[in-house]
Amino acid sequence: MARSNRSRGRAARAREPHPELDVERLTAGWRRTEVRSGREWNVQPVTEAQAVKAYVCPGCGLDVEPGTAHLVAWRADGVLGDAADLASRRHWHTHCWRIGPK
């Protein structure tokens, strides 16, 4: 039978299961680990193209505007597990992360 290139439609997509949160997929890529003040952090850069939402930088309190390259950081050594650490990630201006929190 020939393969169809038509969309399967909304009803067919509604039956497909929603994928679970894949921590490995979300943390893959350019992620690196850094140690600051005795705590281990996962740090992952976000490119201009990937930055589509505004966030508040915890370092300076100003907005990280959409289209601005920045970093996402979260604890790597949290006691509640990877999913909880990933849920508490924060978006930092690159400069603010370099100079550290106030």
PDB file of N, CA and C in Angstrom:
ATOM      1  N   MET A   1       0.837  -1.169   0.000  1.00  0.00           N
ATOM      2  CA  MET A   1       0.000   0.000   0.000  1.00  0.00           C
ATOM      3  C   MET A   1       0.892   1.246   0.000  1.00  0.00           C
ATOM      4  N   ALA A   2       0.507   2.238  -0.772  1.00  0.00           N
ATOM      5  CA  ALA A   2       1.283   3.465  -0.876  1.00  0.00           C
ATOM      6  C   ALA A   2       1.153   4.278   0.407  1.00  0.00           C
ATOM      7  N   ARG A   3       2.200   4.968   0.739  1.00  0.00           N
ATOM      8  CA  ARG A   3       2.220   5.807   1.936  1.00  0.00           C
ATOM      9  C   ARG A   3       1.519   7.120   1.647  1.00  0.00           C
ATOM     10  N   SER A   4       0.689   7.558   2.563  1.00  0.00           N
ATOM     11  CA  SER A   4      -0.027   8.814   2.400  1.00  0.00           C
ATOM     12  C   SER A   4       0.730   9.927   3.101  1.00  0.00           C
ATOM     13  N   ASN A   5       0.810  11.087   2.473  1.00  0.00           N
ATOM     14  CA  ASN A   5       1.463  12.241   3.080  1.00  0.00           C
ATOM     15  C   ASN A   5       0.467  13.200   3.706  1.00  0.00           C
ATOM     16  N   ARG A   6      -0.799  12.804   3.727  1.00  0.00           N
ATOM     17  CA  ARG A   6      -1.827  13.665   4.302  1.00  0.00           C
ATOM     18  C   ARG A   6      -1.745  13.668   5.828  1.00  0.00           C
ATOM     19  N   SER A   7      -2.145  14.764   6.417  1.00  0.00           N
ATOM     20  CA  SER A   7      -2.225  14.864   7.871  1.00  0.00           C
ATOM     21  C   SER A   7      -3.297  13.903   8.372  1.00  0.00           C
ATOM     22  N   ARG A   8      -3.059  13.318   9.527  1.00  0.00           N
ATOM     23  CA  ARG A   8      -4.018  12.375  10.079  1.00  0.00           C
ATOM     24  C   ARG A   8      -5.190  13.072  10.762  1.00  0.00           C
ATOM     25  N   GLY A   9      -5.100  14.360  10.908  1.00  0.00           N
ATOM     26  CA  GLY A   9      -6.218  15.105  11.476  1.00  0.00           C
ATOM     27  C   GLY A   9      -6.194  15.164  12.990  1.00  0.00           C
ATOM     28  N   ARG A  10      -7.056  16.011  13.522  1.00  0.00           N
ATOM     29  CA  ARG A  10      -7.115  16.262  14.954  1.00  0.00           C
ATOM     30  C   ARG A  10      -7.555  15.021  15.735  1.00  0.00           C
ATOM     31  N   ALA A  11      -8.514  14.260  15.234  1.00  0.00           N
ATOM     32  CA  ALA A  11      -9.019  13.089  15.950  1.00  0.00           C
ATOM     33  C   ALA A  11      -7.922  12.040  16.131  1.00  0.00           C
ATOM     34  N   ALA A  12      -7.127  11.817  15.112  1.00  0.00           N
ATOM     35  CA  ALA A  12      -6.053  10.832  15.213  1.00  0.00           C
ATOM     36  C   ALA A  12      -4.974  11.297  16.187  1.00  0.00           C
ATOM     37  N   ARG A  13      -4.650  12.588  16.164  1.00  0.00           N
ATOM     38  CA  ARG A  13      -3.640  13.108  17.093  1.00  0.00           C
ATOM     39  C   ARG A  13      -4.142  13.065  18.518  1.00  0.00           C
ATOM     40  N   ALA A  14      -5.428  13.233  18.734  1.00  0.00           N
ATOM     41  CA  ALA A  14      -5.985  13.226  20.084  1.00  0.00           C
ATOM     42  C   ALA A  14      -5.833  11.855  20.732  1.00  0.00           C
ATOM     43  N   ARG A  15      -5.806  10.787  19.956  1.00  0.00           N
ATOM     44  CA  ARG A  15      -5.663   9.437  20.501  1.00  0.00           C
ATOM     45  C   ARG A  15      -4.224   9.105  20.864  1.00  0.00           C
ATOM     46  N   GLU A  16      -3.274   9.823  20.322  1.00  0.00           N
ATOM     47  CA  GLU A  16      -1.872   9.529  20.608  1.00  0.00           C
ATOM     48  C   GLU A  16      -1.553   9.937  22.039  1.00  0.00           C
ATOM     49  N   PRO A  17      -0.826   9.107  22.774  1.00  0.00           N
ATOM     50  CA  PRO A  17      -0.491   9.456  24.159  1.00  0.00           C
ATOM     51  C   PRO A  17       0.470  10.642  24.208  1.00  0.00           C
ATOM     52  N   HIS A  18       0.311  11.452  25.220  1.00  0.00           N
ATOM     53  CA  HIS A  18       1.190  12.596  25.421  1.00  0.00           C
ATOM     54  C   HIS A  18       2.520  12.083  25.965  1.00  0.00           C
ATOM     55  N   PRO A  19       3.639  12.515  25.389  1.00  0.00           N
ATOM     56  CA  PRO A  19       4.925  12.012  25.883  1.00  0.00           C
ATOM     57  C   PRO A  19       5.195  12.493  27.310  1.00  0.00           C
ATOM     58  N   GLU A  20       5.783  11.627  28.103  1.00  0.00           N
ATOM     59  CA  GLU A  20       6.156  11.978  29.467  1.00  0.00           C
ATOM     60  C   GLU A  20       7.335  12.947  29.447  1.00  0.00           C
ATOM     61  N   LEU A  21       7.560  13.627  30.565  1.00  0.00           N
ATOM     62  CA  LEU A  21       8.702  14.523  30.693  1.00  0.00           C
ATOM     63  C   LEU A  21       9.974  13.693  30.588  1.00  0.00           C
ATOM     64  N   ASP A  22      10.772  13.965  29.579  1.00  0.00           N
ATOM     65  CA  ASP A  22      12.009  13.229  29.352  1.00  0.00           C
ATOM     66  C   ASP A  22      13.169  14.093  29.836  1.00  0.00           C
ATOM     67  N   VAL A  23      13.609  13.843  31.056  1.00  0.00           N
ATOM     68  CA  VAL A  23      14.654  14.656  31.662  1.00  0.00           C
ATOM     69  C   VAL A  23      15.938  14.587  30.845  1.00  0.00           C
ATOM     70  N   GLU A  24      16.290  13.413  30.359  1.00  0.00           N
ATOM     71  CA  GLU A  24      17.512  13.268  29.567  1.00  0.00           C
ATOM     72  C   GLU A  24      17.459  14.102  28.289  1.00  0.00           C
ATOM     73  N   ARG A  25      16.315  14.113  27.595  1.00  0.00           N
ATOM     74  CA  ARG A  25      16.191  14.888  26.363  1.00  0.00           C
ATOM     75  C   ARG A  25      16.290  16.381  26.652  1.00  0.00           C
ATOM     76  N   LEU A  26      15.666  16.818  27.757  1.00  0.00           N
ATOM     77  CA  LEU A  26      15.683  18.236  28.086  1.00  0.00           C
ATOM     78  C   LEU A  26      17.058  18.717  28.526  1.00  0.00           C
ATOM     79  N   THR A  27      17.826  17.821  29.113  1.00  0.00           N
ATOM     80  CA  THR A  27      19.126  18.239  29.629  1.00  0.00           C
ATOM     81  C   THR A  27      20.275  17.911  28.697  1.00  0.00           C
ATOM     82  N   ALA A  28      20.002  17.332  27.551  1.00  0.00           N
ATOM     83  CA  ALA A  28      21.074  16.968  26.615  1.00  0.00           C
ATOM     84  C   ALA A  28      21.544  18.195  25.850  1.00  0.00           C
ATOM     85  N   GLY A  29      22.577  18.044  25.087  1.00  0.00           N
ATOM     86  CA  GLY A  29      23.067  19.141  24.261  1.00  0.00           C
ATOM     87  C   GLY A  29      24.333  19.734  24.820  1.00  0.00           C
ATOM     88  N   TRP A  30      24.357  21.020  24.967  1.00  0.00           N
ATOM     89  CA  TRP A  30      25.549  21.743  25.385  1.00  0.00           C
ATOM     90  C   TRP A  30      25.647  21.877  26.895  1.00  0.00           C
ATOM     91  N   ARG A  31      24.874  21.123  27.616  1.00  0.00           N
ATOM     92  CA  ARG A  31      24.869  21.235  29.069  1.00  0.00           C
ATOM     93  C   ARG A  31      26.246  20.944  29.641  1.00  0.00           C
ATOM     94  N   ARG A  32      26.584  21.700  30.667  1.00  0.00           N
ATOM     95  CA  ARG A  32      27.828  21.468  31.395  1.00  0.00           C
ATOM     96  C   ARG A  32      27.534  21.536  32.887  1.00  0.00           C
ATOM     97  N   THR A  33      28.442  21.066  33.684  1.00  0.00           N
ATOM     98  CA  THR A  33      28.281  21.103  35.134  1.00  0.00           C
ATOM     99  C   THR A  33      29.300  22.074  35.711  1.00  0.00           C
ATOM    100  N   GLU A  34      28.839  22.940  36.621  1.00  0.00           N
ATOM    101  CA  GLU A  34      29.716  23.893  37.297  1.00  0.00           C
ATOM    102  C   GLU A  34      29.488  23.787  38.797  1.00  0.00           C
ATOM    103  N   VAL A  35      30.523  24.109  39.562  1.00  0.00           N
ATOM    104  CA  VAL A  35      30.407  24.133  41.017  1.00  0.00           C
ATOM    105  C   VAL A  35      30.531  25.575  41.467  1.00  0.00           C
ATOM    106  N   ARG A  36      29.537  26.032  42.224  1.00  0.00           N
ATOM    107  CA  ARG A  36      29.528  27.399  42.767  1.00  0.00           C
ATOM    108  C   ARG A  36      29.114  27.348  44.226  1.00  0.00           C
ATOM    109  N   SER A  37      29.902  27.937  45.064  1.00  0.00           N
ATOM    110  CA  SER A  37      29.627  27.993  46.503  1.00  0.00           C
ATOM    111  C   SER A  37      29.347  26.605  47.074  1.00  0.00           C
ATOM    112  N   GLY A  38      30.092  25.620  46.599  1.00  0.00           N
ATOM    113  CA  GLY A  38      29.945  24.267  47.113  1.00  0.00           C
ATOM    114  C   GLY A  38      28.752  23.500  46.571  1.00  0.00           C
ATOM    115  N   ARG A  39      28.007  24.083  45.654  1.00  0.00           N
ATOM    116  CA  ARG A  39      26.859  23.411  45.049  1.00  0.00           C
ATOM    117  C   ARG A  39      27.148  23.125  43.584  1.00  0.00           C
ATOM    118  N   GLU A  40      26.632  22.000  43.123  1.00  0.00           N
ATOM    119  CA  GLU A  40      26.824  21.608  41.730  1.00  0.00           C
ATOM    120  C   GLU A  40      25.616  22.064  40.911  1.00  0.00           C
ATOM    121  N   TRP A  41      25.881  22.704  39.766  1.00  0.00           N
ATOM    122  CA  TRP A  41      24.832  23.240  38.895  1.00  0.00           C
ATOM    123  C   TRP A  41      24.967  22.697  37.484  1.00  0.00           C
ATOM    124  N   ASN A  42      23.851  22.411  36.855  1.00  0.00           N
ATOM    125  CA  ASN A  42      23.800  22.138  35.423  1.00  0.00           C
ATOM    126  C   ASN A  42      23.558  23.473  34.744  1.00  0.00           C
ATOM    127  N   VAL A  43      24.337  23.771  33.724  1.00  0.00           N
ATOM    128  CA  VAL A  43      24.222  25.038  33.003  1.00  0.00           C
ATOM    129  C   VAL A  43      24.098  24.716  31.519  1.00  0.00           C
ATOM    130  N   GLN A  44      23.061  25.261  30.891  1.00  0.00           N
ATOM    131  CA  GLN A  44      22.829  25.007  29.473  1.00  0.00           C
ATOM    132  C   GLN A  44      22.560  26.329  28.767  1.00  0.00           C
ATOM    133  N   PRO A  45      23.341  26.629  27.722  1.00  0.00           N
ATOM    134  CA  PRO A  45      23.093  27.867  26.975  1.00  0.00           C
ATOM    135  C   PRO A  45      21.828  27.771  26.133  1.00  0.00           C
ATOM    136  N   VAL A  46      21.203  28.919  25.935  1.00  0.00           N
ATOM    137  CA  VAL A  46      20.026  29.054  25.079  1.00  0.00           C
ATOM    138  C   VAL A  46      20.395  30.057  23.986  1.00  0.00           C
ATOM    139  N   THR A  47      20.240  29.667  22.727  1.00  0.00           N
ATOM    140  CA  THR A  47      20.585  30.565  21.618  1.00  0.00           C
ATOM    141  C   THR A  47      19.489  31.610  21.413  1.00  0.00           C
ATOM    142  N   GLU A  48      19.794  32.606  20.593  1.00  0.00           N
ATOM    143  CA  GLU A  48      18.810  33.635  20.271  1.00  0.00           C
ATOM    144  C   GLU A  48      17.563  33.025  19.653  1.00  0.00           C
ATOM    145  N   ALA A  49      17.747  32.054  18.770  1.00  0.00           N
ATOM    146  CA  ALA A  49      16.614  31.419  18.088  1.00  0.00           C
ATOM    147  C   ALA A  49      15.754  30.604  19.044  1.00  0.00           C
ATOM    148  N   GLN A  50      16.355  30.017  20.068  1.00  0.00           N
ATOM    149  CA  GLN A  50      15.616  29.209  21.032  1.00  0.00           C
ATOM    150  C   GLN A  50      14.899  30.056  22.073  1.00  0.00           C
ATOM    151  N   ALA A  51      15.325  31.287  22.268  1.00  0.00           N
ATOM    152  CA  ALA A  51      14.779  32.155  23.311  1.00  0.00           C
ATOM    153  C   ALA A  51      13.500  32.819  22.800  1.00  0.00           C
ATOM    154  N   VAL A  52      12.354  32.226  23.111  1.00  0.00           N
ATOM    155  CA  VAL A  52      11.092  32.737  22.582  1.00  0.00           C
ATOM    156  C   VAL A  52      10.194  33.345  23.661  1.00  0.00           C
ATOM    157  N   LYS A  53      10.576  33.237  24.915  1.00  0.00           N
ATOM    158  CA  LYS A  53       9.776  33.800  26.012  1.00  0.00           C
ATOM    159  C   LYS A  53      10.627  34.741  26.839  1.00  0.00           C
ATOM    160  N   ALA A  54       9.970  35.610  27.586  1.00  0.00           N
ATOM    161  CA  ALA A  54      10.666  36.509  28.507  1.00  0.00           C
ATOM    162  C   ALA A  54      10.739  35.836  29.881  1.00  0.00           C
ATOM    163  N   TYR A  55      11.869  36.005  30.547  1.00  0.00           N
ATOM    164  CA  TYR A  55      12.082  35.476  31.888  1.00  0.00           C
ATOM    165  C   TYR A  55      12.691  36.576  32.744  1.00  0.00           C
ATOM    166  N   VAL A  56      12.608  36.440  34.045  1.00  0.00           N
ATOM    167  CA  VAL A  56      13.251  37.378  34.952  1.00  0.00           C
ATOM    168  C   VAL A  56      14.552  36.743  35.428  1.00  0.00           C
ATOM    169  N   CYS A  57      15.655  37.430  35.213  1.00  0.00           N
ATOM    170  CA  CYS A  57      16.968  36.944  35.622  1.00  0.00           C
ATOM    171  C   CYS A  57      17.082  37.046  37.144  1.00  0.00           C
ATOM    172  N   PRO A  58      17.415  35.944  37.839  1.00  0.00           N
ATOM    173  CA  PRO A  58      17.550  36.023  39.292  1.00  0.00           C
ATOM    174  C   PRO A  58      18.794  36.784  39.734  1.00  0.00           C
ATOM    175  N   GLY A  59      19.732  37.013  38.834  1.00  0.00           N
ATOM    176  CA  GLY A  59      20.951  37.726  39.185  1.00  0.00           C
ATOM    177  C   GLY A  59      20.751  39.225  39.297  1.00  0.00           C
ATOM    178  N   CYS A  60      20.037  39.812  38.330  1.00  0.00           N
ATOM    179  CA  CYS A  60      19.872  41.272  38.311  1.00  0.00           C
ATOM    180  C   CYS A  60      18.425  41.714  38.492  1.00  0.00           C
ATOM    181  N   GLY A  61      17.484  40.795  38.343  1.00  0.00           N
ATOM    182  CA  GLY A  61      16.069  41.146  38.493  1.00  0.00           C
ATOM    183  C   GLY A  61      15.457  41.767  37.243  1.00  0.00           C
ATOM    184  N   LEU A  62      16.214  41.880  36.165  1.00  0.00           N
ATOM    185  CA  LEU A  62      15.700  42.440  34.922  1.00  0.00           C
ATOM    186  C   LEU A  62      15.232  41.315  34.000  1.00  0.00           C
ATOM    187  N   ASP A  63      14.450  41.690  32.976  1.00  0.00           N
ATOM    188  CA  ASP A  63      13.935  40.690  32.044  1.00  0.00           C
ATOM    189  C   ASP A  63      15.024  40.173  31.112  1.00  0.00           C
ATOM    190  N   VAL A  64      14.971  38.878  30.851  1.00  0.00           N
ATOM    191  CA  VAL A  64      15.734  38.268  29.766  1.00  0.00           C
ATOM    192  C   VAL A  64      14.752  38.255  28.604  1.00  0.00           C
ATOM    193  N   GLU A  65      14.939  39.174  27.674  1.00  0.00           N
ATOM    194  CA  GLU A  65      13.989  39.375  26.584  1.00  0.00           C
ATOM    195  C   GLU A  65      14.019  38.226  25.576  1.00  0.00           C
ATOM    196  N   PRO A  66      12.896  37.978  24.899  1.00  0.00           N
ATOM    197  CA  PRO A  66      12.900  36.983  23.819  1.00  0.00           C
ATOM    198  C   PRO A  66      13.924  37.381  22.751  1.00  0.00           C
ATOM    199  N   GLY A  67      14.591  36.396  22.193  1.00  0.00           N
ATOM    200  CA  GLY A  67      15.612  36.665  21.184  1.00  0.00           C
ATOM    201  C   GLY A  67      16.969  36.986  21.761  1.00  0.00           C
ATOM    202  N   THR A  68      17.123  36.897  23.084  1.00  0.00           N
ATOM    203  CA  THR A  68      18.393  37.174  23.747  1.00  0.00           C
ATOM    204  C   THR A  68      19.035  35.858  24.166  1.00  0.00           C
ATOM    205  N   ALA A  69      20.266  35.627  23.733  1.00  0.00           N
ATOM    206  CA  ALA A  69      20.984  34.427  24.171  1.00  0.00           C
ATOM    207  C   ALA A  69      21.226  34.536  25.674  1.00  0.00           C
ATOM    208  N   HIS A  70      21.052  33.428  26.377  1.00  0.00           N
ATOM    209  CA  HIS A  70      21.224  33.423  27.826  1.00  0.00           C
ATOM    210  C   HIS A  70      21.526  32.004  28.296  1.00  0.00           C
ATOM    211  N   LEU A  71      21.540  31.791  29.604  1.00  0.00           N
ATOM    212  CA  LEU A  71      21.817  30.482  30.188  1.00  0.00           C
ATOM    213  C   LEU A  71      20.649  30.026  31.040  1.00  0.00           C
ATOM    214  N   VAL A  72      20.467  28.725  31.114  1.00  0.00           N
ATOM    215  CA  VAL A  72      19.512  28.130  32.035  1.00  0.00           C
ATOM    216  C   VAL A  72      20.331  27.323  33.032  1.00  0.00           C
ATOM    217  N   ALA A  73      20.073  27.521  34.321  1.00  0.00           N
ATOM    218  CA  ALA A  73      20.828  26.822  35.358  1.00  0.00           C
ATOM    219  C   ALA A  73      19.872  26.169  36.343  1.00  0.00           C
ATOM    220  N   TRP A  74      20.249  24.963  36.789  1.00  0.00           N
ATOM    221  CA  TRP A  74      19.477  24.258  37.805  1.00  0.00           C
ATOM    222  C   TRP A  74      20.423  23.372  38.602  1.00  0.00           C
ATOM    223  N   ARG A  75      20.020  23.057  39.830  1.00  0.00           N
ATOM    224  CA  ARG A  75      20.851  22.252  40.726  1.00  0.00           C
ATOM    225  C   ARG A  75      21.100  20.873  40.131  1.00  0.00           C
ATOM    226  N   ALA A  76      22.296  20.375  40.289  1.00  0.00           N
ATOM    227  CA  ALA A  76      22.640  19.032  39.838  1.00  0.00           C
ATOM    228  C   ALA A  76      22.725  18.073  41.010  1.00  0.00           C
ATOM    229  N   ASP A  77      22.699  18.609  42.225  1.00  0.00           N
ATOM    230  CA  ASP A  77      22.883  17.768  43.403  1.00  0.00           C
ATOM    231  C   ASP A  77      21.722  17.898  44.391  1.00  0.00           C
ATOM    232  N   GLY A  78      20.541  18.225  43.874  1.00  0.00           N
ATOM    233  CA  GLY A  78      19.382  18.381  44.744  1.00  0.00           C
ATOM    234  C   GLY A  78      18.931  17.050  45.336  1.00  0.00           C
ATOM    235  N   VAL A  79      18.336  17.091  46.514  1.00  0.00           N
ATOM    236  CA  VAL A  79      17.923  15.870  47.208  1.00  0.00           C
ATOM    237  C   VAL A  79      16.574  15.347  46.732  1.00  0.00           C
ATOM    238  N   LEU A  80      15.810  16.157  45.993  1.00  0.00           N
ATOM    239  CA  LEU A  80      14.482  15.733  45.557  1.00  0.00           C
ATOM    240  C   LEU A  80      14.479  15.046  44.195  1.00  0.00           C
ATOM    241  N   GLY A  81      15.629  14.951  43.549  1.00  0.00           N
ATOM    242  CA  GLY A  81      15.718  14.251  42.279  1.00  0.00           C
ATOM    243  C   GLY A  81      15.813  15.177  41.080  1.00  0.00           C
ATOM    244  N   ASP A  82      16.121  14.569  39.935  1.00  0.00           N
ATOM    245  CA  ASP A  82      16.336  15.329  38.705  1.00  0.00           C
ATOM    246  C   ASP A  82      15.104  16.093  38.245  1.00  0.00           C
ATOM    247  N   ALA A  83      13.930  15.480  38.331  1.00  0.00           N
ATOM    248  CA  ALA A  83      12.710  16.145  37.854  1.00  0.00           C
ATOM    249  C   ALA A  83      12.421  17.404  38.671  1.00  0.00           C
ATOM    250  N   ALA A  84      12.605  17.351  39.980  1.00  0.00           N
ATOM    251  CA  ALA A  84      12.374  18.529  40.830  1.00  0.00           C
ATOM    252  C   ALA A  84      13.408  19.610  40.551  1.00  0.00           C
ATOM    253  N   ASP A  85      14.659  19.201  40.369  1.00  0.00           N
ATOM    254  CA  ASP A  85      15.711  20.177  40.054  1.00  0.00           C
ATOM    255  C   ASP A  85      15.442  20.852  38.723  1.00  0.00           C
ATOM    256  N   LEU A  86      15.039  20.076  37.737  1.00  0.00           N
ATOM    257  CA  LEU A  86      14.746  20.628  36.411  1.00  0.00           C
ATOM    258  C   LEU A  86      13.556  21.578  36.474  1.00  0.00           C
ATOM    259  N   ALA A  87      12.569  21.268  37.291  1.00  0.00           N
ATOM    260  CA  ALA A  87      11.399  22.141  37.428  1.00  0.00           C
ATOM    261  C   ALA A  87      11.759  23.477  38.079  1.00  0.00           C
ATOM    262  N   SER A  88      12.843  23.516  38.847  1.00  0.00           N
ATOM    263  CA  SER A  88      13.234  24.761  39.520  1.00  0.00           C
ATOM    264  C   SER A  88      14.338  25.510  38.770  1.00  0.00           C
ATOM    265  N   ARG A  89      14.533  25.210  37.494  1.00  0.00           N
ATOM    266  CA  ARG A  89      15.573  25.874  36.704  1.00  0.00           C
ATOM    267  C   ARG A  89      15.245  27.359  36.534  1.00  0.00           C
ATOM    268  N   ARG A  90      16.298  28.152  36.349  1.00  0.00           N
ATOM    269  CA  ARG A  90      16.156  29.594  36.187  1.00  0.00           C
ATOM    270  C   ARG A  90      16.956  30.054  34.983  1.00  0.00           C
ATOM    271  N   HIS A  91      16.445  31.079  34.324  1.00  0.00           N
ATOM    272  CA  HIS A  91      17.072  31.659  33.134  1.00  0.00           C
ATOM    273  C   HIS A  91      17.873  32.890  33.564  1.00  0.00           C
ATOM    274  N   TRP A  92      19.159  32.890  33.268  1.00  0.00           N
ATOM    275  CA  TRP A  92      20.088  33.947  33.668  1.00  0.00           C
ATOM    276  C   TRP A  92      20.655  34.650  32.439  1.00  0.00           C
ATOM    277  N   HIS A  93      20.896  35.960  32.565  1.00  0.00           N
ATOM    278  CA  HIS A  93      21.749  36.630  31.582  1.00  0.00           C
ATOM    279  C   HIS A  93      23.128  35.983  31.705  1.00  0.00           C
ATOM    280  N   THR A  94      23.819  35.814  30.598  1.00  0.00           N
ATOM    281  CA  THR A  94      25.136  35.185  30.625  1.00  0.00           C
ATOM    282  C   THR A  94      26.085  35.948  31.543  1.00  0.00           C
ATOM    283  N   HIS A  95      26.069  37.265  31.453  1.00  0.00           N
ATOM    284  CA  HIS A  95      26.937  38.089  32.299  1.00  0.00           C
ATOM    285  C   HIS A  95      26.595  37.924  33.780  1.00  0.00           C
ATOM    286  N   CYS A  96      25.320  37.907  34.098  1.00  0.00           N
ATOM    287  CA  CYS A  96      24.914  37.763  35.494  1.00  0.00           C
ATOM    288  C   CYS A  96      25.356  36.428  36.071  1.00  0.00           C
ATOM    289  N   TRP A  97      25.296  35.360  35.280  1.00  0.00           N
ATOM    290  CA  TRP A  97      25.747  34.047  35.753  1.00  0.00           C
ATOM    291  C   TRP A  97      27.269  34.065  35.986  1.00  0.00           C
ATOM    292  N   ARG A  98      27.997  34.737  35.095  1.00  0.00           N
ATOM    293  CA  ARG A  98      29.461  34.792  35.242  1.00  0.00           C
ATOM    294  C   ARG A  98      29.887  35.499  36.513  1.00  0.00           C
ATOM    295  N   ILE A  99      29.220  36.608  36.854  1.00  0.00           N
ATOM    296  CA  ILE A  99      29.632  37.355  38.045  1.00  0.00           C
ATOM    297  C   ILE A  99      29.013  36.787  39.311  1.00  0.00           C
ATOM    298  N   GLY A 100      28.027  35.901  39.169  1.00  0.00           N
ATOM    299  CA  GLY A 100      27.429  35.246  40.324  1.00  0.00           C
ATOM    300  C   GLY A 100      26.281  36.027  40.908  1.00  0.00           C
ATOM    301  N   PRO A 101      25.514  35.380  41.752  1.00  0.00           N
ATOM    302  CA  PRO A 101      24.351  36.041  42.371  1.00  0.00           C
ATOM    303  C   PRO A 101      24.791  37.145  43.321  1.00  0.00           C
ATOM    304  N   LYS A 102      23.915  38.124  43.461  1.00  0.00           N
ATOM    305  CA  LYS A 102      24.176  39.262  44.354  1.00  0.00           C
ATOM    306  C   LYS A 102      24.088  38.838  45.805  1.00  0.00           C
TER     307      LYS A 102
END
